[in-house]
Amino acid sequence: MKMSKKRPSDASVETELPVKKEKAPEFNGTAFKTMLKNPTTALKGLERFISTAKKLPCSDLYDVVEGYIKISMECAEIFKLLDAEKPIESEMMLIFGSLEVILLRTASDLSHFNMVGNVIVKKIVSNYMKLLHGSFYSANHG
């Protein structure tokens, strides 16, 4: 008895379909980190980060918060923006806003990154309390 034909398997059917490669989203953690390092794109990056983060978690959107904290667990690029000689109030609000969305996420659905939240709080309390306190009395605080 000769077996010349093999029964088609499910695997061969799947390999015949064109495979879509998922390309990295345009705005991800790496893109955000790069924007923060450039003074001309930092504020735009913060605005985009905050507006995207407020829509998360969402299955249709790349999680830029998780992407960023995976590559910058101490959020050094964000804190570096607070080290400017005289930070502008609107910039400070964006910086604190970005830290806020990270804290909110690390306290909820990204709780496995709770150490990032702890680092953020410790840094704010030990290094930036005056700035934070001053922003409470700002005319533009949100």
N, C-alpha and C. Protein backbone atom coordinates (compact mmCIF):
# COMPACT_ATOMS: atom_id res chain seq x y z
N MET A 1 0.83 -1.18 0.00
CA MET A 1 0.00 0.00 0.00
C MET A 1 0.88 1.24 0.00
N LYS A 2 0.73 2.04 -1.02
CA LYS A 2 1.57 3.21 -1.19
C LYS A 2 0.78 4.48 -0.84
N MET A 3 1.38 5.33 -0.03
CA MET A 3 0.72 6.59 0.36
C MET A 3 1.41 7.73 -0.38
N SER A 4 0.85 8.10 -1.47
CA SER A 4 1.48 9.16 -2.26
C SER A 4 0.97 10.55 -1.90
N LYS A 5 -0.22 10.63 -1.40
CA LYS A 5 -0.77 11.95 -1.05
C LYS A 5 -0.95 12.06 0.45
N LYS A 6 -0.49 13.17 0.97
CA LYS A 6 -0.71 13.43 2.40
C LYS A 6 -1.99 14.22 2.55
N ARG A 7 -2.63 13.98 3.64
CA ARG A 7 -3.82 14.74 3.93
C ARG A 7 -3.42 16.17 4.24
N PRO A 8 -4.12 17.15 3.66
CA PRO A 8 -3.73 18.55 3.96
C PRO A 8 -3.94 18.86 5.44
N SER A 9 -2.95 19.48 6.02
CA SER A 9 -3.08 19.84 7.44
C SER A 9 -3.53 21.29 7.55
N ASP A 10 -4.03 21.65 8.73
CA ASP A 10 -4.47 23.03 8.96
C ASP A 10 -3.30 24.00 8.87
N ALA A 11 -2.12 23.55 9.25
CA ALA A 11 -0.94 24.43 9.25
C ALA A 11 -0.61 24.91 7.84
N SER A 12 -0.76 24.03 6.84
CA SER A 12 -0.42 24.43 5.48
C SER A 12 -1.41 25.47 4.94
N VAL A 13 -2.64 25.40 5.39
CA VAL A 13 -3.64 26.39 4.97
C VAL A 13 -3.28 27.76 5.53
N GLU A 14 -2.84 27.79 6.80
CA GLU A 14 -2.49 29.05 7.44
C GLU A 14 -1.28 29.70 6.77
N THR A 15 -0.33 28.90 6.34
CA THR A 15 0.88 29.47 5.75
C THR A 15 0.64 30.05 4.36
N GLU A 16 -0.45 29.65 3.73
CA GLU A 16 -0.76 30.18 2.41
C GLU A 16 -1.31 31.61 2.48
N LEU A 17 -1.87 31.98 3.63
CA LEU A 17 -2.42 33.33 3.79
C LEU A 17 -1.28 34.33 3.91
N PRO A 18 -1.45 35.50 3.35
CA PRO A 18 -0.39 36.51 3.51
C PRO A 18 -0.28 36.92 4.98
N VAL A 19 0.93 36.97 5.46
CA VAL A 19 1.15 37.30 6.86
C VAL A 19 1.33 38.80 6.98
N LYS A 20 0.48 39.42 7.81
CA LYS A 20 0.60 40.86 8.05
C LYS A 20 1.64 41.08 9.14
N LYS A 21 2.58 41.91 8.86
CA LYS A 21 3.55 42.26 9.89
C LYS A 21 3.03 43.49 10.60
N GLU A 22 2.94 43.37 11.92
CA GLU A 22 2.49 44.54 12.69
C GLU A 22 3.67 45.49 12.81
N LYS A 23 3.52 46.67 12.27
CA LYS A 23 4.61 47.62 12.41
C LYS A 23 4.42 48.38 13.72
N ALA A 24 5.51 48.85 14.25
CA ALA A 24 5.48 49.58 15.51
C ALA A 24 4.63 50.83 15.34
N PRO A 25 3.85 51.17 16.35
CA PRO A 25 3.03 52.38 16.25
C PRO A 25 3.92 53.61 16.13
N GLU A 26 3.37 54.61 15.50
CA GLU A 26 4.12 55.84 15.27
C GLU A 26 4.55 56.49 16.59
N PHE A 27 3.64 56.52 17.56
CA PHE A 27 3.96 57.14 18.85
C PHE A 27 4.03 56.05 19.90
N ASN A 28 5.26 55.67 20.23
CA ASN A 28 5.46 54.63 21.24
C ASN A 28 6.41 55.16 22.31
N GLY A 29 6.78 54.31 23.24
CA GLY A 29 7.64 54.73 24.34
C GLY A 29 8.97 55.30 23.87
N THR A 30 9.55 54.67 22.85
CA THR A 30 10.84 55.13 22.33
C THR A 30 10.70 56.50 21.66
N ALA A 31 9.64 56.67 20.88
CA ALA A 31 9.40 57.96 20.22
C ALA A 31 9.19 59.06 21.26
N PHE A 32 8.43 58.75 22.31
CA PHE A 32 8.19 59.72 23.37
C PHE A 32 9.50 60.10 24.06
N LYS A 33 10.30 59.10 24.39
CA LYS A 33 11.58 59.34 25.06
C LYS A 33 12.48 60.23 24.19
N THR A 34 12.50 59.97 22.90
CA THR A 34 13.29 60.77 21.96
C THR A 34 12.79 62.20 21.91
N MET A 35 11.47 62.37 21.88
CA MET A 35 10.89 63.72 21.85
C MET A 35 11.25 64.50 23.10
N LEU A 36 11.28 63.84 24.24
CA LEU A 36 11.60 64.51 25.51
C LEU A 36 13.03 65.02 25.54
N LYS A 37 13.92 64.34 24.85
CA LYS A 37 15.33 64.73 24.85
C LYS A 37 15.61 65.95 23.97
N ASN A 38 14.67 66.28 23.10
CA ASN A 38 14.84 67.40 22.18
C ASN A 38 14.00 68.58 22.67
N PRO A 39 14.64 69.70 23.02
CA PRO A 39 13.89 70.85 23.55
C PRO A 39 12.78 71.36 22.61
N THR A 40 12.94 71.16 21.32
CA THR A 40 11.93 71.67 20.38
C THR A 40 10.71 70.75 20.28
N THR A 41 10.84 69.49 20.72
CA THR A 41 9.71 68.56 20.62
C THR A 41 9.19 68.07 21.97
N ALA A 42 9.85 68.46 23.05
CA ALA A 42 9.50 67.95 24.38
C ALA A 42 8.04 68.26 24.76
N LEU A 43 7.63 69.51 24.60
CA LEU A 43 6.27 69.89 25.01
C LEU A 43 5.21 69.19 24.15
N LYS A 44 5.47 69.10 22.87
CA LYS A 44 4.54 68.39 21.98
C LYS A 44 4.46 66.92 22.39
N GLY A 45 5.59 66.35 22.75
CA GLY A 45 5.63 64.97 23.22
C GLY A 45 4.81 64.77 24.48
N LEU A 46 4.97 65.70 25.43
CA LEU A 46 4.20 65.61 26.68
C LEU A 46 2.69 65.71 26.41
N GLU A 47 2.32 66.66 25.54
CA GLU A 47 0.89 66.82 25.21
C GLU A 47 0.33 65.55 24.59
N ARG A 48 1.08 65.01 23.65
CA ARG A 48 0.61 63.79 22.96
C ARG A 48 0.56 62.60 23.91
N PHE A 49 1.56 62.51 24.78
CA PHE A 49 1.61 61.43 25.77
C PHE A 49 0.38 61.48 26.68
N ILE A 50 0.09 62.67 27.19
CA ILE A 50 -1.04 62.83 28.11
C ILE A 50 -2.36 62.53 27.40
N SER A 51 -2.54 63.08 26.21
CA SER A 51 -3.81 62.86 25.50
C SER A 51 -4.00 61.39 25.14
N THR A 52 -2.91 60.71 24.76
CA THR A 52 -3.01 59.28 24.45
C THR A 52 -3.25 58.48 25.72
N ALA A 53 -2.52 58.81 26.78
CA ALA A 53 -2.63 58.08 28.04
C ALA A 53 -4.03 58.16 28.64
N LYS A 54 -4.71 59.27 28.44
CA LYS A 54 -6.07 59.42 28.99
C LYS A 54 -7.07 58.49 28.31
N LYS A 55 -6.72 57.99 27.12
CA LYS A 55 -7.60 57.05 26.40
C LYS A 55 -7.30 55.60 26.77
N LEU A 56 -6.25 55.38 27.52
CA LEU A 56 -5.82 54.02 27.86
C LEU A 56 -6.40 53.57 29.19
N PRO A 57 -6.47 52.28 29.45
CA PRO A 57 -6.16 51.18 28.54
C PRO A 57 -7.25 51.00 27.48
N CYS A 58 -6.83 50.72 26.28
CA CYS A 58 -7.74 50.54 25.15
C CYS A 58 -7.10 49.54 24.19
N SER A 59 -7.86 48.53 23.80
CA SER A 59 -7.30 47.48 22.95
C SER A 59 -6.91 47.99 21.57
N ASP A 60 -7.50 49.10 21.13
CA ASP A 60 -7.19 49.64 19.80
C ASP A 60 -5.96 50.52 19.78
N LEU A 61 -5.46 50.91 20.95
CA LEU A 61 -4.34 51.84 21.02
C LEU A 61 -3.10 51.18 21.61
N TYR A 62 -1.95 51.56 21.08
CA TYR A 62 -0.69 51.12 21.66
C TYR A 62 -0.57 51.77 23.04
N ASP A 63 -0.13 51.01 24.02
CA ASP A 63 -0.01 51.53 25.38
C ASP A 63 1.32 52.25 25.55
N VAL A 64 1.30 53.55 25.26
CA VAL A 64 2.52 54.35 25.31
C VAL A 64 3.02 54.50 26.74
N VAL A 65 2.15 54.45 27.73
CA VAL A 65 2.58 54.56 29.13
C VAL A 65 3.43 53.34 29.49
N GLU A 66 2.91 52.16 29.21
CA GLU A 66 3.66 50.94 29.50
C GLU A 66 4.95 50.90 28.68
N GLY A 67 4.86 51.29 27.42
CA GLY A 67 6.04 51.31 26.56
C GLY A 67 7.13 52.21 27.10
N TYR A 68 6.74 53.38 27.61
CA TYR A 68 7.72 54.33 28.14
C TYR A 68 8.32 53.83 29.44
N ILE A 69 7.50 53.36 30.37
CA ILE A 69 8.07 52.97 31.67
C ILE A 69 8.90 51.68 31.56
N LYS A 70 8.68 50.91 30.52
CA LYS A 70 9.53 49.72 30.32
C LYS A 70 10.95 50.12 29.94
N ILE A 71 11.10 51.24 29.24
CA ILE A 71 12.44 51.65 28.80
C ILE A 71 13.02 52.80 29.65
N SER A 72 12.20 53.35 30.54
CA SER A 72 12.68 54.43 31.41
C SER A 72 11.99 54.34 32.76
N MET A 73 12.39 53.36 33.54
CA MET A 73 11.70 53.06 34.80
C MET A 73 11.78 54.21 35.81
N GLU A 74 12.76 55.08 35.65
CA GLU A 74 12.86 56.21 36.58
C GLU A 74 12.32 57.50 35.98
N CYS A 75 11.79 57.42 34.76
CA CYS A 75 11.21 58.58 34.08
C CYS A 75 12.18 59.76 34.06
N ALA A 76 13.45 59.44 33.88
CA ALA A 76 14.52 60.45 33.96
C ALA A 76 14.33 61.60 32.99
N GLU A 77 13.86 61.30 31.79
CA GLU A 77 13.70 62.35 30.77
C GLU A 77 12.63 63.36 31.19
N ILE A 78 11.58 62.88 31.83
CA ILE A 78 10.52 63.78 32.31
C ILE A 78 11.05 64.64 33.45
N PHE A 79 11.73 64.01 34.40
CA PHE A 79 12.26 64.77 35.53
C PHE A 79 13.32 65.78 35.10
N LYS A 80 14.07 65.45 34.07
CA LYS A 80 15.09 66.37 33.58
C LYS A 80 14.46 67.69 33.12
N LEU A 81 13.25 67.62 32.60
CA LEU A 81 12.54 68.83 32.16
C LEU A 81 12.21 69.74 33.35
N LEU A 82 12.04 69.15 34.53
CA LEU A 82 11.76 69.95 35.72
C LEU A 82 13.01 70.65 36.24
N ASP A 83 14.17 70.22 35.78
CA ASP A 83 15.42 70.79 36.25
C ASP A 83 15.83 72.06 35.52
N ALA A 84 14.97 72.53 34.61
CA ALA A 84 15.27 73.78 33.91
C ALA A 84 15.40 74.89 34.95
N GLU A 85 16.21 75.91 34.62
CA GLU A 85 16.45 76.98 35.59
C GLU A 85 15.17 77.62 36.10
N LYS A 86 14.34 78.07 35.19
CA LYS A 86 13.05 78.63 35.58
C LYS A 86 11.98 78.01 34.70
N PRO A 87 11.47 76.86 35.14
CA PRO A 87 10.46 76.20 34.29
C PRO A 87 9.21 77.07 34.12
N ILE A 88 8.73 77.13 32.91
CA ILE A 88 7.52 77.89 32.61
C ILE A 88 6.33 77.13 33.18
N GLU A 89 5.38 77.88 33.70
CA GLU A 89 4.23 77.28 34.37
C GLU A 89 3.48 76.28 33.49
N SER A 90 3.24 76.64 32.23
CA SER A 90 2.51 75.73 31.34
C SER A 90 3.29 74.45 31.10
N GLU A 91 4.62 74.56 31.04
CA GLU A 91 5.46 73.38 30.87
C GLU A 91 5.39 72.50 32.11
N MET A 92 5.45 73.14 33.29
CA MET A 92 5.37 72.38 34.54
C MET A 92 4.06 71.61 34.63
N MET A 93 2.99 72.23 34.19
CA MET A 93 1.69 71.56 34.25
C MET A 93 1.68 70.32 33.35
N LEU A 94 2.31 70.42 32.19
CA LEU A 94 2.41 69.26 31.30
C LEU A 94 3.31 68.18 31.90
N ILE A 95 4.40 68.59 32.51
CA ILE A 95 5.32 67.63 33.12
C ILE A 95 4.62 66.89 34.26
N PHE A 96 3.99 67.65 35.16
CA PHE A 96 3.27 67.01 36.26
C PHE A 96 2.08 66.19 35.75
N GLY A 97 1.46 66.65 34.68
CA GLY A 97 0.36 65.90 34.08
C GLY A 97 0.81 64.55 33.54
N SER A 98 1.99 64.53 32.94
CA SER A 98 2.50 63.26 32.41
C SER A 98 2.85 62.31 33.56
N LEU A 99 3.42 62.85 34.63
CA LEU A 99 3.71 62.01 35.80
C LEU A 99 2.41 61.50 36.43
N GLU A 100 1.40 62.35 36.42
CA GLU A 100 0.10 61.96 36.98
C GLU A 100 -0.49 60.76 36.22
N VAL A 101 -0.47 60.79 34.88
CA VAL A 101 -1.05 59.67 34.14
C VAL A 101 -0.25 58.39 34.36
N ILE A 102 1.06 58.52 34.53
CA ILE A 102 1.87 57.33 34.83
C ILE A 102 1.49 56.79 36.21
N LEU A 103 1.36 57.69 37.19
CA LEU A 103 0.98 57.26 38.54
C LEU A 103 -0.39 56.59 38.56
N LEU A 104 -1.34 57.18 37.84
CA LEU A 104 -2.68 56.59 37.80
C LEU A 104 -2.66 55.19 37.21
N ARG A 105 -1.88 55.00 36.17
CA ARG A 105 -1.82 53.68 35.54
C ARG A 105 -1.06 52.67 36.40
N THR A 106 0.04 53.11 37.06
CA THR A 106 0.80 52.16 37.88
C THR A 106 0.04 51.81 39.16
N ALA A 107 -0.97 52.59 39.48
CA ALA A 107 -1.81 52.29 40.65
C ALA A 107 -3.03 51.46 40.25
N SER A 108 -3.27 51.29 38.95
CA SER A 108 -4.44 50.52 38.53
C SER A 108 -4.03 49.33 37.66
N ASP A 109 -4.25 49.43 36.36
CA ASP A 109 -4.03 48.26 35.50
C ASP A 109 -2.56 47.92 35.25
N LEU A 110 -1.64 48.81 35.54
CA LEU A 110 -0.21 48.50 35.40
C LEU A 110 0.44 48.35 36.78
N SER A 111 -0.29 47.74 37.71
CA SER A 111 0.19 47.64 39.09
C SER A 111 1.49 46.83 39.20
N HIS A 112 1.80 46.00 38.20
CA HIS A 112 3.07 45.27 38.23
C HIS A 112 4.26 46.23 38.05
N PHE A 113 3.98 47.48 37.71
CA PHE A 113 5.02 48.52 37.62
C PHE A 113 4.92 49.48 38.81
N ASN A 114 4.40 49.01 39.93
CA ASN A 114 4.19 49.91 41.07
C ASN A 114 5.48 50.53 41.59
N MET A 115 6.61 49.89 41.33
CA MET A 115 7.89 50.47 41.76
C MET A 115 8.18 51.77 41.01
N VAL A 116 7.72 51.87 39.77
CA VAL A 116 7.88 53.11 39.01
C VAL A 116 7.11 54.22 39.70
N GLY A 117 5.90 53.92 40.13
CA GLY A 117 5.10 54.90 40.87
C GLY A 117 5.78 55.34 42.15
N ASN A 118 6.38 54.38 42.86
CA ASN A 118 7.10 54.71 44.09
C ASN A 118 8.28 55.64 43.81
N VAL A 119 9.01 55.37 42.74
CA VAL A 119 10.15 56.21 42.37
C VAL A 119 9.69 57.63 42.06
N ILE A 120 8.60 57.75 41.31
CA ILE A 120 8.08 59.07 40.95
C ILE A 120 7.71 59.86 42.20
N VAL A 121 6.97 59.24 43.09
CA VAL A 121 6.55 59.94 44.32
C VAL A 121 7.76 60.34 45.16
N LYS A 122 8.70 59.43 45.33
CA LYS A 122 9.90 59.75 46.13
C LYS A 122 10.67 60.91 45.53
N LYS A 123 10.83 60.92 44.20
CA LYS A 123 11.57 62.01 43.55
C LYS A 123 10.84 63.34 43.70
N ILE A 124 9.53 63.33 43.52
CA ILE A 124 8.77 64.57 43.65
C ILE A 124 8.88 65.11 45.07
N VAL A 125 8.68 64.23 46.05
CA VAL A 125 8.70 64.65 47.46
C VAL A 125 10.09 65.15 47.86
N SER A 126 11.14 64.47 47.41
CA SER A 126 12.47 64.87 47.86
C SER A 126 13.10 65.99 47.03
N ASN A 127 12.71 66.14 45.77
CA ASN A 127 13.40 67.12 44.92
C ASN A 127 12.53 68.25 44.35
N TYR A 128 11.23 68.01 44.23
CA TYR A 128 10.41 68.96 43.48
C TYR A 128 9.17 69.45 44.25
N MET A 129 9.22 69.36 45.55
CA MET A 129 8.05 69.75 46.34
C MET A 129 7.71 71.23 46.18
N LYS A 130 8.74 72.08 46.14
CA LYS A 130 8.49 73.52 45.98
C LYS A 130 7.77 73.80 44.66
N LEU A 131 8.23 73.17 43.58
CA LEU A 131 7.59 73.37 42.28
C LEU A 131 6.15 72.88 42.30
N LEU A 132 5.95 71.71 42.89
CA LEU A 132 4.60 71.15 42.95
C LEU A 132 3.70 72.05 43.80
N HIS A 133 4.21 72.48 44.92
CA HIS A 133 3.44 73.35 45.80
C HIS A 133 3.08 74.65 45.08
N GLY A 134 4.04 75.22 44.37
CA GLY A 134 3.80 76.45 43.62
C GLY A 134 2.75 76.27 42.54
N SER A 135 2.69 75.09 41.95
CA SER A 135 1.71 74.86 40.89
C SER A 135 0.29 74.77 41.44
N PHE A 136 0.14 74.48 42.73
CA PHE A 136 -1.19 74.46 43.34
C PHE A 136 -1.79 75.86 43.38
N TYR A 137 -0.94 76.86 43.46
CA TYR A 137 -1.42 78.24 43.54
C TYR A 137 -1.41 78.94 42.19
N SER A 138 -1.17 78.18 41.17
CA SER A 138 -1.13 78.73 39.82
C SER A 138 -2.51 79.18 39.39
N ALA A 139 -2.53 80.20 38.58
CA ALA A 139 -3.80 80.69 38.04
C ALA A 139 -4.37 79.75 37.00
N ASN A 140 -3.49 78.92 36.41
CA ASN A 140 -3.91 78.04 35.32
C ASN A 140 -4.00 76.57 35.70
N HIS A 141 -3.90 76.26 36.99
CA HIS A 141 -3.87 74.83 37.34
C HIS A 141 -5.18 74.14 36.98
N GLY A 142 -5.03 72.86 36.66
CA GLY A 142 -6.19 72.11 36.16
C GLY A 142 -6.74 71.13 37.13
